[in-house]
Amino acid sequence: MCCALAVVCVAGCYRPNVVAGPVISEGAGAAAHMQAAALQGLRLHVFNTGMNRVSPLLVGSPAPWRSAPAFVIEHPVRGLIVFDCGLAEEVGREGEASLHPVTRLLFKTRSLPGKDLVSQMRAAGLDPGDVAYVILSHMHFDHVGAAPAFTNASFIAGPGARANSVSRMNGFDPERIAWVDADAWHEADFSRGEPFATFDSTLDVFSDGSLRLIRGGGHTAGGIAVLLNLPAGPVLLAGDLVVHFDWLRSDDVQRIVLDA
């Protein structure tokens, strides 16, 4: 309990640090270029695995409920790709009792049996055994829940993600990725990245323009996002770099970030 109180006290001291961003010119620019080069047959499935409510101790009031999504991308050449794994199946079965005591203190979490990613994939006719890649925006418990199900996949995460998630404090769930063999675990090297649109550093994962990793930061060390080039237009899968639209209109992104 002392550790939990320390976490709350430290978090309570956080205040937003406003940093001037670049001046972005208006116009179609990269979005129009992406749509012209979109890969036909690329599809995105969105699954909601439950809901979280961050404690007012961290974010003040209001403290709204927010979804814990997971995404499955169908690539016409590379097969199934998962971006974030949502809440674990145990949360639907056992509730918050399945979570770390500190996590239970700082989050209200809800799910239902059959609403984990694996169950919803199977209901949609998508075989978890066919997943070739799992991309993790970061290692928090509501993003790695179904990770152990993807035993045939290569895992992609941000720089230092595994080293930074060795403790269950602050919502990390290292047991979910501990089983992944070193040969199947890959951390993005943004020193080889290139600027794209307004992003400082990106990696074209398959060298076909379909999926770009974007260097994140702010919410956790080594966070990443994905820019997906769908035929209907580009979609940014941001993890918790942007939790809700209010963050795009405000200097205060609430006290649940590492550095912002």
Protein backbone atom coordinates (compact mmCIF):
# COMPACT_ATOMS: atom_id res chain seq x y z
CA MET A 1 0.00 0.00 0.00
CA CYS A 2 2.91 2.36 0.66
CA CYS A 3 4.05 1.88 -2.94
CA ALA A 4 0.55 2.60 -4.18
CA LEU A 5 0.35 5.81 -2.17
CA ALA A 6 3.73 6.86 -3.52
CA VAL A 7 2.49 6.35 -7.07
CA VAL A 8 -0.59 8.46 -6.36
CA CYS A 9 1.46 11.22 -4.72
CA VAL A 10 3.94 11.40 -7.58
CA ALA A 11 1.16 11.39 -10.16
CA GLY A 12 -0.68 14.09 -8.27
CA CYS A 13 2.27 16.43 -8.70
CA TYR A 14 2.09 16.29 -12.49
CA ARG A 15 1.13 19.41 -14.38
CA PRO A 16 1.01 19.82 -18.16
CA ASN A 17 4.16 21.27 -19.70
CA VAL A 18 3.12 23.23 -22.78
CA VAL A 19 5.68 22.94 -25.60
CA ALA A 20 5.29 24.84 -28.86
CA GLY A 21 4.92 22.48 -31.81
CA PRO A 22 5.83 22.96 -35.45
CA VAL A 23 3.79 25.11 -37.79
CA ILE A 24 1.93 22.72 -40.09
CA SER A 25 0.86 23.98 -43.49
CA GLU A 26 -2.64 23.13 -44.64
CA GLY A 27 -3.41 21.06 -47.72
CA ALA A 28 -3.88 17.49 -48.85
CA GLY A 29 -0.15 16.74 -48.92
CA ALA A 30 0.83 13.30 -47.68
CA ALA A 31 -2.77 12.15 -47.20
CA ALA A 32 -3.49 12.51 -50.91
CA HIS A 33 -0.24 10.74 -51.77
CA MET A 34 -1.09 7.89 -49.39
CA GLN A 35 -4.56 7.41 -50.84
CA ALA A 36 -3.15 7.25 -54.37
CA ALA A 37 -0.71 4.54 -53.25
CA ALA A 38 -3.14 2.62 -51.01
CA LEU A 39 -2.85 -1.15 -51.10
CA GLN A 40 -6.01 -2.77 -52.40
CA GLY A 41 -7.31 -5.55 -50.18
CA LEU A 42 -5.96 -4.02 -46.96
CA ARG A 43 -8.70 -4.20 -44.29
CA LEU A 44 -9.06 -3.13 -40.66
CA HIS A 45 -11.18 -4.81 -37.97
CA VAL A 46 -11.89 -2.96 -34.71
CA PHE A 47 -12.79 -4.83 -31.52
CA ASN A 48 -13.72 -3.33 -28.14
CA THR A 49 -12.49 -5.60 -25.33
CA GLY A 50 -13.89 -3.61 -22.42
CA MET A 51 -13.77 -0.27 -20.64
CA ASN A 52 -11.40 1.59 -18.32
CA ARG A 53 -11.94 4.54 -16.03
CA VAL A 54 -8.84 6.25 -14.67
CA SER A 55 -9.09 7.25 -11.02
CA PRO A 56 -9.82 10.94 -10.30
CA LEU A 57 -6.66 10.73 -8.14
CA LEU A 58 -4.76 10.81 -11.45
CA VAL A 59 -6.93 12.81 -13.83
CA GLY A 60 -9.24 14.88 -11.68
CA SER A 61 -12.87 15.29 -12.66
CA PRO A 62 -14.49 14.36 -14.95
CA ALA A 63 -12.94 10.91 -15.27
CA PRO A 64 -14.86 9.29 -18.14
CA TRP A 65 -15.03 5.63 -19.09
CA ARG A 66 -13.01 4.81 -22.21
CA SER A 67 -12.87 1.74 -24.42
CA ALA A 68 -9.95 -0.72 -24.51
CA PRO A 69 -9.76 -1.45 -28.25
CA ALA A 70 -7.75 -3.99 -30.21
CA PHE A 71 -7.27 -4.04 -33.97
CA VAL A 72 -6.74 -6.73 -36.58
CA ILE A 73 -5.36 -5.78 -40.00
CA GLU A 74 -5.83 -8.08 -42.99
CA HIS A 75 -2.89 -7.58 -45.32
CA PRO A 76 -3.32 -9.16 -48.79
CA VAL A 77 0.28 -10.44 -48.78
CA ARG A 78 1.45 -10.53 -45.15
CA GLY A 79 -1.68 -12.04 -43.60
CA LEU A 80 -3.18 -11.05 -40.24
CA ILE A 81 -1.56 -8.33 -38.15
CA VAL A 82 -2.74 -7.42 -34.64
CA PHE A 83 -2.25 -3.92 -33.27
CA ASP A 84 -2.69 -4.00 -29.48
CA CYS A 85 -4.30 -6.94 -27.73
CA GLY A 86 -6.83 -5.31 -25.41
CA LEU A 87 -7.84 -6.63 -22.01
CA ALA A 88 -7.11 -10.20 -20.93
CA GLU A 89 -9.80 -12.88 -21.00
CA GLU A 90 -9.49 -13.14 -17.18
CA VAL A 91 -10.86 -9.62 -16.78
CA GLY A 92 -14.14 -10.70 -18.33
CA ARG A 93 -14.23 -13.85 -16.19
CA GLU A 94 -12.83 -12.64 -12.85
CA GLY A 95 -13.18 -8.87 -13.02
CA GLU A 96 -10.67 -6.56 -11.37
CA ALA A 97 -9.48 -9.37 -9.07
CA SER A 98 -7.26 -10.49 -11.95
CA LEU A 99 -5.34 -7.19 -11.92
CA HIS A 100 -2.42 -5.96 -9.82
CA PRO A 101 -3.49 -4.19 -6.57
CA VAL A 102 -2.00 -0.88 -7.72
CA THR A 103 -3.80 -1.18 -11.05
CA ARG A 104 -7.05 -1.85 -9.20
CA LEU A 105 -6.46 1.27 -7.12
CA LEU A 106 -5.86 3.54 -10.10
CA PHE A 107 -8.28 2.05 -12.65
CA LYS A 108 -11.84 0.82 -12.79
CA THR A 109 -11.92 -1.90 -15.44
CA ARG A 110 -14.85 -3.78 -16.92
CA SER A 111 -15.23 -6.52 -19.52
CA LEU A 112 -17.51 -9.48 -20.22
CA PRO A 113 -16.91 -13.16 -20.98
CA GLY A 114 -16.38 -13.60 -24.70
CA LYS A 115 -15.30 -10.00 -25.26
CA ASP A 116 -11.54 -10.64 -25.23
CA LEU A 117 -9.79 -10.23 -28.58
CA VAL A 118 -9.34 -13.94 -29.27
CA SER A 119 -13.03 -14.74 -28.73
CA GLN A 120 -14.13 -11.85 -30.93
CA MET A 121 -11.68 -12.79 -33.67
CA ARG A 122 -13.01 -16.32 -33.80
CA ALA A 123 -16.59 -15.03 -33.90
CA ALA A 124 -15.59 -12.88 -36.89
CA GLY A 125 -14.01 -15.83 -38.70
CA LEU A 126 -10.41 -14.75 -38.01
CA ASP A 127 -8.08 -17.49 -36.73
CA PRO A 128 -5.63 -16.30 -34.00
CA GLY A 129 -3.25 -19.01 -35.22
CA ASP A 130 -2.96 -17.17 -38.52
CA VAL A 131 -1.67 -13.95 -36.96
CA ALA A 132 1.78 -13.30 -38.41
CA TYR A 133 2.64 -10.08 -36.56
CA VAL A 134 1.60 -8.44 -33.30
CA ILE A 135 2.41 -4.74 -32.91
CA LEU A 136 2.21 -3.36 -29.37
CA SER A 137 1.83 0.39 -28.92
CA HIS A 138 3.08 -0.05 -25.32
CA MET A 139 3.04 -2.62 -22.54
CA HIS A 140 0.16 -1.53 -20.31
CA PHE A 141 -2.25 -4.23 -19.11
CA ASP A 142 -5.11 -3.09 -21.36
CA HIS A 143 -2.94 -3.36 -24.49
CA VAL A 144 -1.22 -6.75 -24.01
CA GLY A 145 -4.06 -8.87 -22.60
CA ALA A 146 -4.41 -11.42 -25.43
CA ALA A 147 -0.71 -11.46 -26.38
CA PRO A 148 -0.06 -15.07 -25.20
CA ALA A 149 -2.60 -16.38 -27.74
CA PHE A 150 -0.48 -15.43 -30.75
CA THR A 151 2.12 -18.18 -30.57
CA ASN A 152 2.92 -18.12 -34.28
CA ALA A 153 3.50 -14.37 -34.51
CA SER A 154 6.49 -12.07 -34.57
CA PHE A 155 6.13 -9.24 -32.07
CA ILE A 156 7.02 -5.62 -32.83
CA ALA A 157 7.30 -2.97 -30.11
CA GLY A 158 8.95 0.37 -29.49
CA PRO A 159 12.58 0.87 -28.45
CA GLY A 160 13.21 -0.34 -24.90
CA ALA A 161 9.63 -1.57 -24.47
CA ARG A 162 10.53 -4.94 -22.99
CA ALA A 163 13.17 -3.58 -20.61
CA ASN A 164 10.79 -0.90 -19.38
CA SER A 165 7.98 -3.35 -18.57
CA VAL A 166 9.70 -5.68 -16.10
CA SER A 167 7.46 -4.58 -13.20
CA ARG A 168 3.68 -4.77 -12.83
CA MET A 169 3.69 -1.34 -11.20
CA ASN A 170 2.02 1.42 -13.24
CA GLY A 171 -0.11 -1.01 -15.21
CA PHE A 172 2.64 -3.06 -16.87
CA ASP A 173 1.95 -6.78 -17.29
CA PRO A 174 5.31 -8.43 -18.11
CA GLU A 175 3.97 -11.98 -17.84
CA ARG A 176 2.01 -11.41 -21.04
CA ILE A 177 5.16 -11.04 -23.13
CA ALA A 178 7.71 -12.98 -21.04
CA TRP A 179 7.14 -16.13 -23.11
CA VAL A 180 8.02 -14.47 -26.43
CA ASP A 181 11.35 -15.83 -27.70
CA ALA A 182 14.08 -13.31 -28.45
CA ASP A 183 14.03 -14.33 -32.13
CA ALA A 184 10.34 -13.39 -32.33
CA TRP A 185 10.69 -10.08 -30.45
CA HIS A 186 11.65 -6.99 -32.45
CA GLU A 187 11.97 -3.41 -31.24
CA ALA A 188 11.76 -0.62 -33.79
CA ASP A 189 15.03 1.13 -34.60
CA PHE A 190 14.01 4.67 -35.45
CA SER A 191 17.60 5.67 -36.13
CA ARG A 192 16.86 4.14 -39.54
CA GLY A 193 13.56 5.96 -39.81
CA GLU A 194 12.52 8.68 -42.20
CA PRO A 195 10.22 11.68 -41.80
CA PHE A 196 6.75 11.30 -43.27
CA ALA A 197 4.05 13.98 -43.36
CA THR A 198 4.21 15.71 -39.96
CA PHE A 199 5.95 12.80 -38.22
CA ASP A 200 9.65 13.09 -37.39
CA SER A 201 10.55 9.42 -37.77
CA THR A 202 8.67 6.52 -39.35
CA LEU A 203 9.46 3.00 -40.55
CA ASP A 204 7.75 1.45 -43.58
CA VAL A 205 7.35 -2.04 -42.11
CA PHE A 206 6.74 -4.00 -45.31
CA SER A 207 8.30 -1.53 -47.78
CA ASP A 208 4.96 -1.25 -49.59
CA GLY A 209 3.53 1.88 -47.93
CA SER A 210 0.73 -0.08 -46.27
CA LEU A 211 1.84 0.28 -42.66
CA ARG A 212 4.22 2.77 -41.08
CA LEU A 213 5.48 2.64 -37.51
CA ILE A 214 5.61 6.07 -35.92
CA ARG A 215 7.86 6.96 -33.02
CA GLY A 216 5.69 8.02 -30.10
CA GLY A 217 6.55 9.08 -26.58
CA GLY A 218 4.77 10.95 -23.85
CA HIS A 219 2.54 8.19 -22.47
CA THR A 220 5.28 5.59 -21.91
CA ALA A 221 8.90 5.21 -22.87
CA GLY A 222 9.19 3.69 -26.34
CA GLY A 223 5.56 4.06 -27.31
CA ILE A 224 4.70 3.65 -31.00
CA ALA A 225 1.76 4.27 -33.31
CA VAL A 226 0.81 2.90 -36.72
CA LEU A 227 -0.26 4.85 -39.80
CA LEU A 228 -2.35 2.46 -41.88
CA ASN A 229 -2.88 3.22 -45.57
CA LEU A 230 -6.36 1.85 -46.19
CA PRO A 231 -8.01 2.16 -49.63
CA ALA A 232 -10.69 4.39 -48.05
CA GLY A 233 -8.04 6.70 -46.60
CA PRO A 234 -5.27 6.72 -43.96
CA VAL A 235 -6.03 5.72 -40.38
CA LEU A 236 -3.79 6.48 -37.39
CA LEU A 237 -3.77 3.79 -34.68
CA ALA A 238 -2.37 5.83 -31.81
CA GLY A 239 -2.55 3.54 -28.79
CA ASP A 240 -2.70 5.87 -25.78
CA LEU A 241 -0.67 8.64 -27.40
CA VAL A 242 -4.09 10.19 -28.01
CA VAL A 243 -6.74 8.66 -25.75
CA HIS A 244 -9.65 10.87 -26.78
CA PHE A 245 -10.41 13.79 -29.06
CA ASP A 246 -10.23 16.38 -26.27
CA TRP A 247 -6.46 15.85 -26.21
CA LEU A 248 -6.28 17.19 -29.76
CA ARG A 249 -7.96 20.43 -28.68
CA SER A 250 -6.27 21.09 -25.35
CA ASP A 251 -2.87 21.70 -23.76
CA ASP A 252 -3.87 19.51 -20.78
CA VAL A 253 -3.75 15.81 -21.66
CA GLN A 254 -4.43 14.74 -18.07
CA ARG A 255 -1.99 13.28 -15.59
CA ILE A 256 -1.59 9.80 -17.11
CA VAL A 257 1.49 10.46 -19.20
CA LEU A 258 5.21 10.01 -18.77
CA ASP A 259 6.35 13.27 -20.34
CA ALA A 260 4.10 15.79 -22.06
